[in-house]
Amino acid sequence: KDSWVENEFLVFLVEEGNVGRALGKDNTNLRKAESVFKKRIRIIGFSDDSCKFVSNLIYPNKADDIKEDGNNILIYAQDVKLKGRIFGRDRENLKKVNEIIKRYFSLVNEVKVV
């Protein structure tokens, strides 16, 4: 569906049902692509549901709950360490999530961690 370069990663956005196909059996497709591109690769599943898409974006971090509140998406996380991983240093991770979510869901203003 889409791809972009993000720091040391090459990120591929695929349809949600095709993540397993993109990874391949025992991640063989992923390893082949990493050797061809000589970069680490991250594969993200796209979803038409904005909350599910945010969940896919912050994976492997698992939020307690993700809800849509008007034009904002709220990520509920009780654990301080989890909040820190979602925010990232200088809120870099959250800024990237906001940037990506606005690209595909124009009605969303901001993603917030609560």
Protein backbone atom coordinates (compact mmCIF):
# COMPACT_ATOMS: atom_id res chain seq x y z
CA LYS A 1 0.00 0.00 0.00
CA ASP A 2 2.83 2.43 0.88
CA SER A 3 6.47 2.62 1.97
CA TRP A 4 8.84 5.21 3.44
CA VAL A 5 12.24 5.51 5.09
CA GLU A 6 12.30 6.17 8.82
CA ASN A 7 15.77 6.53 10.41
CA GLU A 8 17.45 3.12 10.01
CA PHE A 9 14.21 1.39 8.99
CA LEU A 10 12.46 0.89 5.68
CA VAL A 11 8.75 0.79 6.56
CA PHE A 12 6.17 -1.02 4.43
CA LEU A 13 2.46 -0.50 4.95
CA VAL A 14 0.47 -3.51 3.76
CA GLU A 15 -3.19 -4.44 3.91
CA GLU A 16 -4.00 -5.92 7.30
CA GLY A 17 -4.70 -9.42 6.03
CA ASN A 18 -1.41 -9.56 4.10
CA VAL A 19 1.07 -9.03 6.95
CA GLY A 20 1.72 -12.76 7.23
CA ARG A 21 2.25 -13.01 3.49
CA ALA A 22 4.67 -10.07 3.55
CA LEU A 23 6.67 -11.67 6.36
CA GLY A 24 6.72 -15.08 4.69
CA LYS A 25 7.09 -18.49 6.28
CA ASP A 26 9.54 -18.17 9.20
CA ASN A 27 10.11 -14.53 8.13
CA THR A 28 11.99 -15.59 4.98
CA ASN A 29 10.55 -12.77 2.83
CA LEU A 30 11.51 -10.24 5.49
CA ARG A 31 15.09 -11.52 5.70
CA LYS A 32 15.48 -11.56 1.91
CA ALA A 33 14.20 -8.00 1.61
CA GLU A 34 16.53 -6.83 4.41
CA SER A 35 19.52 -8.33 2.61
CA VAL A 36 18.49 -6.80 -0.73
CA PHE A 37 17.83 -3.30 0.64
CA LYS A 38 20.61 -3.51 3.26
CA LYS A 39 18.28 -1.90 5.80
CA ARG A 40 16.15 -3.16 8.65
CA ILE A 41 12.53 -3.50 7.59
CA ARG A 42 9.34 -2.90 9.54
CA ILE A 43 5.99 -4.12 8.23
CA ILE A 44 2.79 -2.46 9.46
CA GLY A 45 -0.74 -3.66 8.77
CA PHE A 46 -3.14 -0.98 7.54
CA SER A 47 -6.70 -0.90 8.87
CA ASP A 48 -9.70 1.24 7.90
CA ASP A 49 -10.44 1.55 11.64
CA SER A 50 -8.24 4.38 12.94
CA CYS A 51 -7.96 2.89 16.45
CA LYS A 52 -6.82 -0.48 15.10
CA PHE A 53 -4.34 1.29 12.81
CA VAL A 54 -2.85 3.19 15.77
CA SER A 55 -2.55 -0.13 17.60
CA ASN A 56 -0.64 -1.54 14.62
CA LEU A 57 1.61 1.54 14.52
CA ILE A 58 2.67 1.29 18.18
CA TYR A 59 3.21 -2.51 18.03
CA PRO A 60 4.93 -4.30 19.88
CA ASN A 61 3.69 -1.98 22.65
CA LYS A 62 0.20 -2.94 23.79
CA ALA A 63 -1.96 -0.11 25.10
CA ASP A 64 -4.67 -0.81 27.68
CA ASP A 65 -7.25 0.78 25.38
CA ILE A 66 -7.43 2.98 22.28
CA LYS A 67 -10.55 5.07 21.71
CA GLU A 68 -11.67 7.75 19.31
CA ASP A 69 -12.92 10.91 21.02
CA GLY A 70 -14.31 13.36 18.48
CA ASN A 71 -11.38 14.17 16.18
CA ASN A 72 -8.72 12.85 18.57
CA ILE A 73 -7.52 9.33 19.25
CA LEU A 74 -6.72 8.58 22.88
CA ILE A 75 -4.25 5.86 23.86
CA TYR A 76 -4.87 4.71 27.44
CA ALA A 77 -1.79 3.31 29.19
CA GLN A 78 -1.42 2.90 32.96
CA ASP A 79 2.16 1.61 33.02
CA VAL A 80 4.75 4.41 33.09
CA LYS A 81 7.31 2.36 31.12
CA LEU A 82 4.73 1.66 28.41
CA LYS A 83 3.86 5.36 28.18
CA GLY A 84 7.55 6.15 27.83
CA ARG A 85 7.97 3.66 24.97
CA ILE A 86 4.91 5.04 23.18
CA PHE A 87 6.14 8.64 23.59
CA GLY A 88 9.78 7.91 22.72
CA ARG A 89 12.69 10.23 23.40
CA ASP A 90 11.54 13.84 22.94
CA ARG A 91 8.12 12.43 21.89
CA GLU A 92 9.59 11.26 18.56
CA ASN A 93 7.49 8.07 18.40
CA LEU A 94 4.26 9.92 19.10
CA LYS A 95 5.12 12.58 16.50
CA LYS A 96 5.66 9.86 13.87
CA VAL A 97 2.36 8.18 14.78
CA ASN A 98 0.57 11.54 14.46
CA GLU A 99 2.20 12.22 11.10
CA ILE A 100 1.29 8.79 9.69
CA ILE A 101 -2.28 8.79 11.02
CA LYS A 102 -2.95 12.24 9.52
CA ARG A 103 -1.75 10.99 6.14
CA TYR A 104 -4.47 8.32 5.99
CA PHE A 105 -7.22 9.72 8.23
CA SER A 106 -7.72 13.41 7.45
CA LEU A 107 -10.45 13.84 10.09
CA VAL A 108 -8.09 12.94 12.96
CA ASN A 109 -6.48 15.97 14.59
CA GLU A 110 -4.14 14.34 17.08
CA VAL A 111 -3.17 11.11 18.82
CA LYS A 112 -2.77 11.57 22.58
CA VAL A 113 -1.52 9.30 25.34
CA VAL A 114 -3.62 9.38 28.51
